[in-house]
Amino acid sequence: MLKFDTIVAPVSSITNSPISIVRISGPASYQLAYKITGKKLHPRLATYCSFKENAKNKFDNGIAIYFKSPNSFTGEDVVEFQCHGSIAVVNLLIETCLSYSNSKFSVRLAEPGEFSKRAYLNERIDLTEAESIAMLINSNSEGIIRAINNSLTGDFGNLVKNLSSELLKIRANLEARLDFVEDNLGEIEINNIAKSIDKVITSVNKCINLSSNAKQLVDIGKVVIIGPTNVGKSSLLNWFSQQKASIVSDSEGTTRDVIKEIVNIEKSNIRLRIADTAGIRVSHDLVENEGIKRTWKEIDNSDCILVVFDCSSKHIDEDLKLLKKIAGRKGISSKSLFVVFNKIDTVEIKEFRKNIKDLDQKIFFTSVKTEFGMKDLKKQMENVFTNKGLVNFSNCLIISHRNMKNLEVIYNQLRRAVINIHQKKFDLCAEDLKGAHEVIKVTIGEYLPEDLLDKIFSTFCIGK
């Protein structure tokens, strides 16, 4: 195990909350915990205790848990304090830890990602697992979490390690042959080596395809809400986002710019970017006209279009001309077009249906105010993106951008190796195999320059 300073940082976010967690890791963790709690902690046992600045000044009660090296996340001695979630309490606990730093043992604030970096350096996790932890923390849907766990449980790391092992055998076989100039490779040996390389290429390609599948999972479905002014478009967006993202007003033309919200559809693993747009109407307001130009741009870039009308409008026939204009726009046929008649609570549905009997689009009657029809609309939107494949988290592997680029480099070098061996350019083939193998080792962290290692972990949050 490598020797480091003892580090301290909040594991949970520093906001006022019922409970916060502060972690210390390093050779002085146990002594530090004893000074703060006055308790002799037993490994993996939660101990209720007081937290003190010194022998007399208690500032909180909480729980301390001791993880003895090497059976901890970092591989070092680790103590986690569970204190009350006051920002002042958390800061005081951290300051108390730092105050015990001396010539015998150094205590300092952890750098971003330093706990995970130590776990990697002490061989508790490999680099692919460390990167998966960072992605898991930043994930925001159930499907992404499940896909990331394919990497977090070591699936991707094991795949790459197997590639490394197979490639090492191929290199050893080829380079042993090259040591004897007089021993030329025959066609059978060339074909056997090429087949072995092709097997590795197939495995690399599998990883790339699994990651490409995951890209669909990460992709965001694009929805645009359009319609005349003051029909409830902003209220519709606010209902989906469950917060006041758009200004709701009785005045026409209130939304002049495109307002976008990322919405996670519960239990379906779908992320939608829903855009609320300026109402389309004849206007002499140049600012609003610019907003309407942006609306048309959003229509062209969206997968699903919600055209919203006000059931209580006295100009419904005039308003429906907008629908005809949108339906006739180039490229609309490839998109999902939903016609939403909002404020249905203000009219009699049977009577209103007579006004729209000639429409052949998918029609929804809704009231954001009473929530009538909203769940059905939401379900149909969900179906659009389920059919587009945005929610299939099985057979997915979410890996970092760095690792995806590495896989592409490995794939290309191995393809060149196959070409070179068939052309009997054995030295070039050996160089290609060596290059691919080195990139594999960088991917799983077997070989990694210190500056690249620092760069990777610096993107992590403090406390992880």
Protein backbone atom coordinates (compact mmCIF):
# COMPACT_ATOMS: atom_id res chain seq x y z
CA MET A 1 0.00 0.00 0.00
CA LEU A 2 1.30 3.46 -0.90
CA LYS A 3 1.89 6.01 1.86
CA PHE A 4 0.05 9.34 1.73
CA ASP A 5 -1.02 12.24 3.89
CA THR A 6 -4.30 11.88 5.72
CA ILE A 7 -7.05 13.67 3.80
CA VAL A 8 -10.49 14.94 4.81
CA ALA A 9 -13.52 16.06 2.84
CA PRO A 10 -17.33 16.08 3.00
CA VAL A 11 -18.76 13.09 1.14
CA SER A 12 -22.26 14.55 0.94
CA SER A 13 -23.03 17.96 -0.55
CA ILE A 14 -22.57 20.89 1.82
CA THR A 15 -26.15 22.07 2.26
CA ASN A 16 -28.35 22.24 5.33
CA SER A 17 -29.78 18.73 5.64
CA PRO A 18 -30.66 16.19 8.36
CA ILE A 19 -27.40 14.24 8.00
CA SER A 20 -24.01 14.92 6.42
CA ILE A 21 -20.99 12.64 6.04
CA VAL A 22 -17.35 13.63 6.40
CA ARG A 23 -14.66 11.13 5.39
CA ILE A 24 -11.01 10.91 6.42
CA SER A 25 -8.54 8.54 4.79
CA GLY A 26 -4.88 7.90 5.45
CA PRO A 27 -2.42 6.62 8.07
CA ALA A 28 -3.60 8.99 10.83
CA SER A 29 -7.34 8.34 10.42
CA TYR A 30 -7.75 6.18 13.52
CA GLN A 31 -5.75 8.54 15.79
CA LEU A 32 -7.64 11.52 14.40
CA ALA A 33 -11.00 9.89 15.11
CA TYR A 34 -9.90 9.08 18.66
CA LYS A 35 -8.94 12.71 19.30
CA ILE A 36 -12.30 13.96 18.01
CA THR A 37 -14.57 11.33 19.60
CA GLY A 38 -12.57 10.07 22.59
CA LYS A 39 -13.69 6.57 21.58
CA LYS A 40 -11.65 3.54 20.54
CA LEU A 41 -13.44 2.59 17.36
CA HIS A 42 -13.82 -1.02 16.24
CA PRO A 43 -13.65 -1.89 12.53
CA ARG A 44 -16.97 -1.85 10.67
CA LEU A 45 -18.96 -1.00 13.79
CA ALA A 46 -21.11 2.13 13.96
CA THR A 47 -20.30 3.95 17.20
CA TYR A 48 -22.50 6.70 18.63
CA CYS A 49 -20.30 9.42 20.10
CA SER A 50 -19.75 13.12 20.67
CA PHE A 51 -17.64 15.23 18.32
CA LYS A 52 -15.34 17.64 20.16
CA GLU A 53 -13.01 20.46 19.17
CA ASN A 54 -10.90 19.53 22.19
CA ALA A 55 -11.37 17.60 25.43
CA LYS A 56 -14.12 19.99 26.63
CA ASN A 57 -15.82 21.70 23.70
CA LYS A 58 -18.41 19.36 22.19
CA PHE A 59 -20.11 20.67 19.03
CA ASP A 60 -22.25 17.71 17.87
CA ASN A 61 -23.33 14.11 18.46
CA GLY A 62 -23.24 11.54 15.69
CA ILE A 63 -21.92 8.24 14.42
CA ALA A 64 -18.34 7.26 13.55
CA ILE A 65 -17.47 4.18 11.49
CA TYR A 66 -13.90 2.87 11.19
CA PHE A 67 -12.74 0.87 8.15
CA LYS A 68 -9.36 -0.70 8.79
CA SER A 69 -6.86 -1.01 5.95
CA PRO A 70 -6.95 -2.71 3.49
CA ASN A 71 -10.70 -3.36 3.82
CA SER A 72 -11.89 0.10 2.88
CA PHE A 73 -12.80 2.00 -0.27
CA THR A 74 -9.36 3.60 -0.57
CA GLY A 75 -7.42 0.63 0.80
CA GLU A 76 -6.21 2.85 3.65
CA ASP A 77 -7.53 3.37 7.17
CA VAL A 78 -10.80 5.27 6.69
CA VAL A 79 -13.20 6.87 9.17
CA GLU A 80 -16.57 8.29 8.21
CA PHE A 81 -18.35 10.72 10.53
CA GLN A 82 -22.12 11.03 10.25
CA CYS A 83 -23.00 14.39 11.75
CA HIS A 84 -26.02 16.69 11.66
CA GLY A 85 -26.24 18.41 8.30
CA SER A 86 -25.73 22.00 9.39
CA ILE A 87 -23.16 23.72 7.17
CA ALA A 88 -21.59 25.17 10.31
CA VAL A 89 -21.28 21.72 11.92
CA VAL A 90 -19.70 20.19 8.79
CA ASN A 91 -17.21 23.04 8.48
CA LEU A 92 -16.33 22.84 12.18
CA LEU A 93 -15.77 19.08 11.93
CA ILE A 94 -13.45 19.53 8.95
CA GLU A 95 -11.58 22.40 10.64
CA THR A 96 -11.14 20.25 13.76
CA CYS A 97 -9.60 17.48 11.66
CA LEU A 98 -7.21 19.94 10.01
CA SER A 99 -6.23 21.47 13.37
CA TYR A 100 -4.57 18.20 14.44
CA SER A 101 -2.12 18.27 11.53
CA ASN A 102 1.46 18.28 12.84
CA SER A 103 4.97 17.06 12.11
CA LYS A 104 4.05 13.46 12.98
CA PHE A 105 1.11 13.22 10.60
CA SER A 106 -0.10 15.64 7.99
CA VAL A 107 -3.83 16.26 7.59
CA ARG A 108 -5.15 18.27 4.66
CA LEU A 109 -8.26 18.80 2.53
CA ALA A 110 -8.75 16.18 -0.17
CA GLU A 111 -8.36 17.21 -3.77
CA PRO A 112 -11.19 16.46 -6.25
CA GLY A 113 -11.38 12.72 -6.83
CA GLU A 114 -8.53 11.95 -4.44
CA PHE A 115 -10.37 9.21 -2.54
CA SER A 116 -11.05 7.39 -5.82
CA LYS A 117 -7.48 8.04 -6.99
CA ARG A 118 -6.13 6.39 -3.84
CA ALA A 119 -8.50 3.46 -4.34
CA TYR A 120 -7.06 3.05 -7.84
CA LEU A 121 -3.42 3.44 -6.76
CA ASN A 122 -3.95 0.90 -3.97
CA GLU A 123 -5.52 -1.49 -6.50
CA ARG A 124 -8.95 -1.49 -4.88
CA ILE A 125 -10.54 -0.54 -8.21
CA ASP A 126 -9.25 -0.30 -11.76
CA LEU A 127 -9.38 2.88 -13.78
CA THR A 128 -12.52 1.90 -15.70
CA GLU A 129 -14.39 1.36 -12.41
CA ALA A 130 -13.13 4.71 -11.07
CA GLU A 131 -14.43 6.51 -14.15
CA SER A 132 -17.75 4.67 -13.82
CA ILE A 133 -18.13 6.00 -10.27
CA ALA A 134 -17.80 9.56 -11.57
CA MET A 135 -20.40 8.90 -14.28
CA LEU A 136 -22.74 7.26 -11.76
CA ILE A 137 -22.65 10.35 -9.52
CA ASN A 138 -23.60 12.55 -12.48
CA SER A 139 -26.28 10.20 -13.86
CA ASN A 140 -29.89 11.32 -13.87
CA SER A 141 -32.02 8.41 -15.04
CA GLU A 142 -32.65 4.85 -13.94
CA GLY A 143 -31.62 3.34 -17.28
CA ILE A 144 -28.28 5.16 -17.31
CA ILE A 145 -27.60 3.99 -13.75
CA ARG A 146 -28.22 0.36 -14.74
CA ALA A 147 -25.97 0.63 -17.79
CA ILE A 148 -23.19 2.32 -15.82
CA ASN A 149 -23.25 -0.54 -13.32
CA ASN A 150 -22.09 -2.84 -16.12
CA SER A 151 -18.82 -0.91 -15.91
CA LEU A 152 -18.94 -0.35 -12.15
CA THR A 153 -19.09 -4.09 -11.47
CA GLY A 154 -15.98 -4.55 -13.59
CA ASP A 155 -17.60 -5.89 -16.78
CA PHE A 156 -15.81 -3.43 -19.05
CA GLY A 157 -12.53 -3.71 -17.15
CA ASN A 158 -12.66 -7.51 -17.38
CA LEU A 159 -13.40 -7.36 -21.10
CA VAL A 160 -10.39 -5.12 -21.69
CA LYS A 161 -8.15 -7.25 -19.45
CA ASN A 162 -9.09 -10.31 -21.49
CA LEU A 163 -8.19 -8.39 -24.64
CA SER A 164 -4.83 -7.55 -23.11
CA SER A 165 -4.18 -11.20 -22.23
CA GLU A 166 -5.09 -12.47 -25.71
CA LEU A 167 -3.04 -9.78 -27.43
CA LEU A 168 -0.03 -10.59 -25.26
CA LYS A 169 -0.16 -14.23 -26.45
CA ILE A 170 -0.34 -13.14 -30.09
CA ARG A 171 2.58 -10.75 -29.67
CA ALA A 172 4.70 -13.36 -27.92
CA ASN A 173 4.01 -15.86 -30.71
CA LEU A 174 4.82 -13.43 -33.52
CA GLU A 175 7.88 -11.84 -31.90
CA ALA A 176 9.35 -15.24 -31.03
CA ARG A 177 9.15 -16.10 -34.74
CA LEU A 178 10.75 -12.82 -35.76
CA ASP A 179 13.76 -13.56 -33.57
CA PHE A 180 14.73 -16.26 -36.05
CA VAL A 181 15.24 -14.61 -39.44
CA GLU A 182 15.76 -17.90 -41.23
CA ASP A 183 12.47 -19.26 -39.94
CA ASN A 184 9.99 -17.70 -42.35
CA LEU A 185 6.29 -17.77 -41.52
CA GLY A 186 4.30 -20.04 -43.77
CA GLU A 187 0.79 -19.34 -45.03
CA ILE A 188 -0.78 -21.57 -42.39
CA GLU A 189 1.00 -19.71 -39.56
CA ILE A 190 0.13 -16.34 -41.09
CA ASN A 191 -3.54 -17.32 -41.33
CA ASN A 192 -3.56 -18.61 -37.75
CA ILE A 193 -2.09 -15.35 -36.40
CA ALA A 194 -4.52 -13.31 -38.52
CA LYS A 195 -7.45 -15.35 -37.16
CA SER A 196 -6.26 -14.75 -33.59
CA ILE A 197 -6.06 -11.00 -34.23
CA ASP A 198 -9.53 -11.08 -35.83
CA LYS A 199 -10.93 -12.64 -32.64
CA VAL A 200 -9.56 -9.72 -30.62
CA ILE A 201 -10.97 -7.29 -33.21
CA THR A 202 -14.40 -8.91 -32.79
CA SER A 203 -14.21 -8.40 -29.02
CA VAL A 204 -13.14 -4.76 -29.43
CA ASN A 205 -15.96 -4.21 -31.90
CA LYS A 206 -18.40 -5.73 -29.38
CA CYS A 207 -17.31 -3.17 -26.77
CA ILE A 208 -17.71 -0.35 -29.30
CA ASN A 209 -21.20 -1.56 -30.25
CA LEU A 210 -22.28 -1.88 -26.61
CA SER A 211 -21.08 1.66 -26.01
CA SER A 212 -22.86 2.89 -29.15
CA ASN A 213 -26.07 1.27 -27.85
CA ALA A 214 -25.58 3.19 -24.61
CA LYS A 215 -25.35 6.44 -26.56
CA GLN A 216 -29.04 6.01 -27.41
CA LEU A 217 -29.74 5.66 -23.70
CA VAL A 218 -27.88 8.90 -22.95
CA ASP A 219 -29.46 10.71 -25.90
CA ILE A 220 -32.24 13.12 -25.08
CA GLY A 221 -35.53 13.03 -26.93
CA LYS A 222 -36.44 16.44 -28.32
CA VAL A 223 -39.97 17.74 -27.87
CA VAL A 224 -41.26 21.16 -28.91
CA ILE A 225 -44.48 22.81 -27.73
CA ILE A 226 -45.95 25.25 -30.24
CA GLY A 227 -49.22 27.00 -30.91
CA PRO A 228 -50.94 30.38 -30.89
CA THR A 229 -50.33 32.79 -28.03
CA ASN A 230 -51.87 32.26 -24.61
CA VAL A 231 -53.13 28.69 -25.12
CA GLY A 232 -51.30 27.17 -22.15
CA LYS A 233 -47.98 26.12 -23.68
CA SER A 234 -45.97 27.38 -20.70
CA SER A 235 -48.36 25.71 -18.26
CA LEU A 236 -47.88 22.47 -20.18
CA LEU A 237 -44.08 22.70 -19.85
CA ASN A 238 -44.37 23.52 -16.17
CA TRP A 239 -46.57 20.46 -15.66
CA PHE A 240 -44.01 18.18 -17.28
CA SER A 241 -41.06 19.69 -15.43
CA GLN A 242 -42.96 19.98 -12.12
CA GLN A 243 -41.50 23.44 -11.60
CA LYS A 244 -42.13 26.98 -12.80
CA ALA A 245 -39.79 26.97 -15.80
CA SER A 246 -41.93 29.31 -17.91
CA ILE A 247 -43.76 32.50 -17.01
CA VAL A 248 -47.50 31.94 -16.96
CA SER A 249 -49.53 35.04 -17.79
CA ASP A 250 -52.83 36.06 -19.33
CA SER A 251 -50.99 38.49 -21.60
CA GLU A 252 -50.40 37.37 -25.17
CA GLY A 253 -46.82 36.86 -26.33
CA THR A 254 -45.34 36.44 -22.86
CA THR A 255 -42.83 33.77 -23.97
CA ARG A 256 -40.66 35.41 -26.60
CA ASP A 257 -37.64 33.16 -26.41
CA VAL A 258 -37.36 29.37 -26.44
CA ILE A 259 -37.38 28.00 -22.89
CA LYS A 260 -35.98 24.48 -22.54
CA GLU A 261 -36.25 22.01 -19.69
CA ILE A 262 -34.73 18.55 -19.28
CA VAL A 263 -37.45 16.22 -18.01
CA ASN A 264 -37.03 12.65 -16.76
CA ILE A 265 -40.14 10.55 -17.41
CA GLU A 266 -40.64 8.47 -14.25
CA LYS A 267 -40.02 4.71 -14.40
CA SER A 268 -39.34 4.74 -18.15
CA ASN A 269 -35.69 5.84 -18.26
CA ILE A 270 -36.51 8.53 -20.83
CA ARG A 271 -34.94 11.97 -20.78
CA LEU A 272 -36.71 14.64 -22.79
CA ARG A 273 -35.66 18.14 -23.65
CA ILE A 274 -38.97 19.97 -23.88
CA ALA A 275 -38.94 23.41 -25.49
CA ASP A 276 -41.63 26.02 -24.85
CA THR A 277 -41.75 28.45 -27.76
CA ALA A 278 -43.08 31.85 -28.63
CA GLY A 279 -46.73 31.89 -29.72
CA ILE A 280 -47.07 31.98 -33.49
CA ARG A 281 -49.21 34.89 -34.63
CA VAL A 282 -48.98 37.94 -36.85
CA SER A 283 -47.03 40.47 -34.86
CA HIS A 284 -45.41 43.82 -35.51
CA ASP A 285 -43.06 43.24 -32.57
CA LEU A 286 -39.63 42.60 -34.10
CA VAL A 287 -38.39 40.87 -30.93
CA GLU A 288 -41.29 38.46 -30.96
CA ASN A 289 -40.85 37.85 -34.69
CA GLU A 290 -37.29 36.77 -33.94
CA GLY A 291 -38.69 34.42 -31.30
CA ILE A 292 -41.03 32.92 -33.90
CA LYS A 293 -38.06 32.24 -36.18
CA ARG A 294 -36.52 30.27 -33.32
CA THR A 295 -39.80 28.38 -32.97
CA TRP A 296 -39.61 27.14 -36.55
CA LYS A 297 -36.01 26.10 -35.96
CA GLU A 298 -37.07 24.08 -32.91
CA ILE A 299 -39.79 22.40 -34.97
CA ASP A 300 -37.23 21.30 -37.56
CA ASN A 301 -34.86 19.93 -34.88
CA SER A 302 -37.43 18.08 -32.76
CA ASP A 303 -38.57 14.44 -32.71
CA CYS A 304 -42.04 15.12 -31.30
CA ILE A 305 -44.23 18.20 -31.84
CA LEU A 306 -47.07 19.20 -29.54
CA VAL A 307 -49.34 21.68 -31.32
CA VAL A 308 -51.46 23.28 -28.61
CA PHE A 309 -54.78 25.09 -29.04
CA ASP A 310 -57.21 26.72 -26.62
CA CYS A 311 -60.61 25.01 -26.66
CA SER A 312 -62.25 28.23 -25.51
CA SER A 313 -60.82 30.28 -28.38
CA LYS A 314 -63.39 32.14 -30.46
CA HIS A 315 -61.07 31.87 -33.46
CA ILE A 316 -60.50 28.11 -33.49
CA ASP A 317 -60.99 27.86 -37.27
CA GLU A 318 -58.33 30.53 -37.80
CA ASP A 319 -56.04 28.88 -35.26
CA LEU A 320 -56.26 25.52 -37.05
CA LYS A 321 -54.69 27.10 -40.13
CA LEU A 322 -51.46 26.96 -38.13
CA LEU A 323 -51.80 23.16 -37.90
CA LYS A 324 -52.17 22.90 -41.66
CA LYS A 325 -49.06 25.06 -42.11
CA ILE A 326 -47.03 22.88 -39.74
CA ALA A 327 -48.27 19.57 -41.19
CA GLY A 328 -47.28 20.72 -44.67
CA ARG A 329 -43.77 21.74 -43.64
CA LYS A 330 -40.92 19.76 -45.19
CA GLY A 331 -39.73 16.87 -43.03
CA ILE A 332 -42.72 16.88 -40.65
CA SER A 333 -43.94 13.49 -41.87
CA SER A 334 -40.97 11.80 -40.15
CA LYS A 335 -41.84 13.34 -36.78
CA SER A 336 -44.56 12.55 -34.23
CA LEU A 337 -47.21 15.26 -34.39
CA PHE A 338 -49.69 15.52 -31.51
CA VAL A 339 -52.57 18.00 -31.55
CA VAL A 340 -53.44 19.10 -28.01
CA PHE A 341 -56.68 20.93 -27.29
CA ASN A 342 -56.05 22.47 -23.88
CA LYS A 343 -58.49 24.06 -21.40
CA ILE A 344 -61.06 21.38 -22.19
CA ASP A 345 -62.59 22.05 -18.77
CA THR A 346 -63.98 25.31 -20.17
CA VAL A 347 -66.14 23.74 -22.92
CA GLU A 348 -68.43 20.78 -23.62
CA ILE A 349 -66.32 18.08 -25.30
CA LYS A 350 -69.11 16.64 -27.45
CA GLU A 351 -69.98 20.04 -28.87
CA PHE A 352 -66.34 20.94 -29.40
CA ARG A 353 -65.63 17.75 -31.35
CA LYS A 354 -67.92 19.03 -34.11
CA ASN A 355 -65.42 21.83 -34.82
CA ILE A 356 -62.54 19.41 -35.43
CA LYS A 357 -64.21 16.39 -37.04
CA ASP A 358 -62.07 16.70 -40.19
CA LEU A 359 -58.71 16.46 -38.41
CA ASP A 360 -56.75 13.26 -39.03
CA GLN A 361 -53.86 13.88 -36.60
CA LYS A 362 -53.55 12.28 -33.16
CA ILE A 363 -55.76 14.41 -30.90
CA PHE A 364 -55.64 14.90 -27.14
CA PHE A 365 -58.06 16.81 -24.95
CA THR A 366 -56.35 18.19 -21.86
CA SER A 367 -56.65 20.58 -18.99
CA VAL A 368 -53.41 21.44 -17.25
CA LYS A 369 -55.48 23.08 -14.53
CA THR A 370 -57.44 19.91 -13.64
CA GLU A 371 -54.84 17.49 -15.11
CA PHE A 372 -57.53 15.92 -17.28
CA GLY A 373 -55.91 13.97 -20.14
CA MET A 374 -52.35 14.83 -19.06
CA LYS A 375 -51.31 11.31 -18.07
CA ASP A 376 -52.52 9.93 -21.40
CA LEU A 377 -50.56 12.59 -23.29
CA LYS A 378 -47.46 11.80 -21.25
CA LYS A 379 -47.86 8.07 -21.92
CA GLN A 380 -48.16 8.60 -25.67
CA MET A 381 -45.03 10.78 -25.67
CA GLU A 382 -43.27 8.02 -23.73
CA ASN A 383 -44.30 5.50 -26.40
CA VAL A 384 -42.77 7.65 -29.14
CA PHE A 385 -39.34 7.50 -27.55
CA THR A 386 -39.64 3.89 -26.41
CA ASN A 387 -40.15 2.98 -30.07
CA LYS A 388 -37.10 5.07 -30.97
CA GLY A 389 -35.03 2.85 -28.68
CA LEU A 390 -34.04 5.52 -26.15
CA VAL A 391 -34.88 3.33 -23.14
CA ASN A 392 -33.23 -0.03 -23.86
CA PHE A 393 -30.54 -0.27 -21.21
CA SER A 394 -29.90 -4.00 -21.70
CA ASN A 395 -26.78 -4.78 -23.71
CA CYS A 396 -25.46 -1.30 -23.02
CA LEU A 397 -22.08 -0.27 -21.72
CA ILE A 398 -21.60 3.36 -20.72
CA ILE A 399 -17.91 4.21 -20.77
CA SER A 400 -15.99 7.46 -20.68
CA HIS A 401 -15.24 9.45 -23.83
CA ARG A 402 -11.55 8.68 -23.21
CA ASN A 403 -12.16 4.94 -23.26
CA MET A 404 -14.36 5.13 -26.35
CA LYS A 405 -11.57 6.92 -28.23
CA ASN A 406 -9.08 4.32 -26.98
CA LEU A 407 -11.25 1.48 -28.31
CA GLU A 408 -11.40 3.13 -31.73
CA VAL A 409 -7.59 3.48 -31.79
CA ILE A 410 -7.17 -0.18 -30.75
CA TYR A 411 -9.62 -1.32 -33.43
CA ASN A 412 -7.82 0.61 -36.20
CA GLN A 413 -4.37 -0.59 -35.16
CA LEU A 414 -5.50 -4.21 -35.08
CA ARG A 415 -7.06 -3.87 -38.52
CA ARG A 416 -3.73 -2.58 -39.83
CA ALA A 417 -1.97 -5.50 -38.12
CA VAL A 418 -4.13 -8.00 -40.05
CA ILE A 419 -3.42 -6.23 -43.35
CA ASN A 420 0.31 -6.15 -42.66
CA ILE A 421 0.59 -9.81 -41.72
CA HIS A 422 -1.22 -10.89 -44.87
CA GLN A 423 1.23 -8.72 -46.83
CA LYS A 424 4.08 -10.44 -44.92
CA LYS A 425 5.14 -7.12 -43.36
CA PHE A 426 5.82 -8.86 -40.07
CA ASP A 427 7.77 -6.05 -38.40
CA LEU A 428 4.98 -3.56 -39.11
CA CYS A 429 2.40 -6.06 -37.83
CA ALA A 430 4.39 -6.46 -34.60
CA GLU A 431 4.50 -2.67 -34.16
CA ASP A 432 0.74 -2.39 -34.69
CA LEU A 433 0.10 -5.09 -32.12
CA LYS A 434 2.45 -3.40 -29.65
CA GLY A 435 0.71 -0.05 -30.19
CA ALA A 436 -2.74 -1.56 -29.66
CA HIS A 437 -1.55 -3.37 -26.54
CA GLU A 438 -0.13 -0.16 -25.03
CA VAL A 439 -3.45 1.64 -25.57
CA ILE A 440 -5.26 -1.26 -23.86
CA LYS A 441 -2.93 -0.92 -20.86
CA VAL A 442 -3.61 2.83 -20.73
CA THR A 443 -7.37 2.13 -20.85
CA ILE A 444 -7.39 -0.03 -17.72
CA GLY A 445 -4.65 1.99 -16.04
CA GLU A 446 -1.85 -0.60 -16.12
CA TYR A 447 0.28 2.09 -17.67
CA LEU A 448 -0.68 5.72 -17.32
CA PRO A 449 1.40 8.93 -17.30
CA GLU A 450 1.05 10.83 -14.01
CA ASP A 451 -0.25 13.98 -15.70
CA LEU A 452 -3.02 12.01 -17.44
CA LEU A 453 -3.94 10.32 -14.17
CA ASP A 454 -4.23 13.72 -12.44
CA LYS A 455 -6.34 15.03 -15.32
CA ILE A 456 -8.79 12.11 -15.10
CA PHE A 457 -9.35 12.35 -11.34
CA SER A 458 -9.49 16.16 -11.29
CA THR A 459 -12.87 15.93 -13.05
CA PHE A 460 -14.33 14.08 -10.03
CA CYS A 461 -16.15 15.90 -7.27
CA ILE A 462 -14.50 16.62 -3.92
CA GLY A 463 -15.30 13.82 -1.47
CA LYS A 464 -15.16 11.07 -4.09
